[in-house]
Amino acid sequence: MSGSIDSISTRGLAKDDPNHIHGEKSLVKRPKVDDSDRPKVGGDTGTPARLILAARSSVVKMKERNRRKRNKETCDRISHLPEPILRHIVSLLSTKDALRTSFLSKSWRNLWTCIPVLDFHEPNFYNEEIIRYFFELVKDRDYYKMWKWKKQFADLVDRSLLFHESQNIRELRIKFHCLDYYDLSTRADQWVRFALTNVPVIDLNFSGRCHDQDHCPEKLYQLPPCPYPSKLLKAMKLNFCLFKSSEHKSFPYLETVILTEVKLPDTSVQDLIAICPHLEFLHLKRCYLPEELTIHAPQSQLKHLWMDSCKSHTGYPVFEYHINIPSLLHFQFVGRLLDGLSLKNLSKLIDARLEFPQDVLFTNHGEMLCELLEDMDHARALTLSSWCLQALPIVEDLDGFRESLPSPLHNLKHLTLQTGLDNYGLVGLACLLRSSPNLEALSIDIGDSIDMNWDYIEEPEYLDIFDFDGENFWESQLLLFHCLTHHLKKVEINGFMGRNREIGLVKFLLKESLILKEMVITHVECFLVTLNFLKRKFLIARKLIALPRACPYAEIKFS
């Protein structure tokens, strides 16, 4: 009976009772200890020390975790942005820096594969030390080391085009000096084919620098034919290569073509227009063309044609140009005029610019220029260089000088002229004003006169008729200027210096223009503005304001 009680009593005690001894079958009474003098770690609650320490440790750990989390969020908040925003950020970087972001973290590894513009400009991927060393290798003709570096660049382009999501590329630019001794032309062929079939806008430059040589270089990278033309390609820029249009099937949606220092053999220009049914803009800059260029494209949709400083394959100027493009709206020609420039069926022409940077004048150049202006009689805006004004008065039979064109320019509304206001230029200016009866705006850019070579004029004494007093030239004009009395509303003169010839021109225009509304005169710029310069400019302004005007409402703006 007593044993069972002992066992029950033992089971009925709480385990945390200080009077309970584990493992004892009997109940042992311990003397009570007064806790009033014992130190209490947990305050007045009497909580054991180990529980308090554990709680404190957990609190410290929690604070540390929160601190680390805050630091992580503070240091790399960009990585937690949505992926579309990260892609947009990477797209704003250069291609070189965008490729570098793939080493930041796993989340950044493939962001560069979606950037819309890839720009592989070879020198940008070399540091300055390599570039300096590279020029030394060029001087020493150490082609092996040059090839080694260029091969590394070619490998980079290969990998980038391989891993990039090609459907996201909007524009691809590659500038790579590709010559035979580098043995990398096959790599370039792959880039070109990739660009022609996958990219809407391409800019391919195979020249390490702008050569601008006198003759066509013998070694030119030849653009490979594209068997599967792209429906995406809309704009193409090529530099320093050989382009044979006949080897390409078609570019059905190509709208813009800009060729710089490109060799175009035989009929490549005409073939290019033919295989591009939607071509609207064609710019040929310093290209190498046949000695006689013919462009006959009656079915073309070409609207802009710019020809700038083109040469023949031998380095001499192109002898003849024959252009027949009825759809042409804007035409610009910069180059030497030798045997002729023929423009036919330009009934839609809006504006044209002719600039002949040459100092040679033949007897028949005046007649050729008259025929050319007659071909462009539909143009509403026309820009002519100083050479045109000097050549225009020369008549082929050397009997007097030309005072007006055989066919007036009835559609011309805005005429822009570059002239030095020498005697030949004055006669040419008067000739154009008489031949433009409906002219509404006149712009004159005053510059230096061309030191013309007159050795090719068969009768040198013919030039004596241009030996007159240029300062009083306009007062001696007897023939009427229809545009001045009926249509001219605005005159703009740039490069004004206040010389007597310039003052005489302004005086004549103000006196004869009956409905002139505004004349804007801009003084030539001065790098060092002095007090004497300002005084002289002030005196010129006073002289201009005092000039008589046929139209009382005409306003003079001088700056």
Foldseek 3Di string as FASTA:
>chain_A
DVQVVLQVVLVPDDPPPPQHDPPDSGGDGDDDDDCPPPDAPVPPPNDDPVVVVVVVVVVVVVVVVVVVVVVVCVVDVVLVDDLVVVLVVLLVDALVVSCVQLPVDVSSNCSSLQRQEHACLPVVVDDPVVVVVLVVCVVVVVVVVVLVSLVVSLVVVVVSVVSHPLQNHAEYEHEAQDWVVSVCLVSVQVVLLSCQARYQYYAYHNRNDQDLDLAQDPTFREHAEHPDGHQRHAEYEYEGHEYELVSYQANARHAYYAYAQYEYEDQRVQSNQVRHQNHAYYAYAQYAYALEYEHADANHQHAEYHYYAYDHNGSHRRAEYHYEYQNYAEEEYEEAYHNAYHYANPLNYAEYEYHYPDQEAALCPLVRLLNVCVRVLNYQEYEYEAVNLLRNQRHNVLDGTAQERPAASANHAEYEYEHQLQLSNVSSVRHNQQRHLQYAEYEYEHDDHRPHDPPNYPDVVSCVVSPDPLLCVLVPDDDDRNCQDPHHAEYEYEQDDLDSNVLSVLLSSQARRQRHQEYEYEHHDDPDDDPVNVVSLVVSVVSSVPRHGNYPNYYYHYD
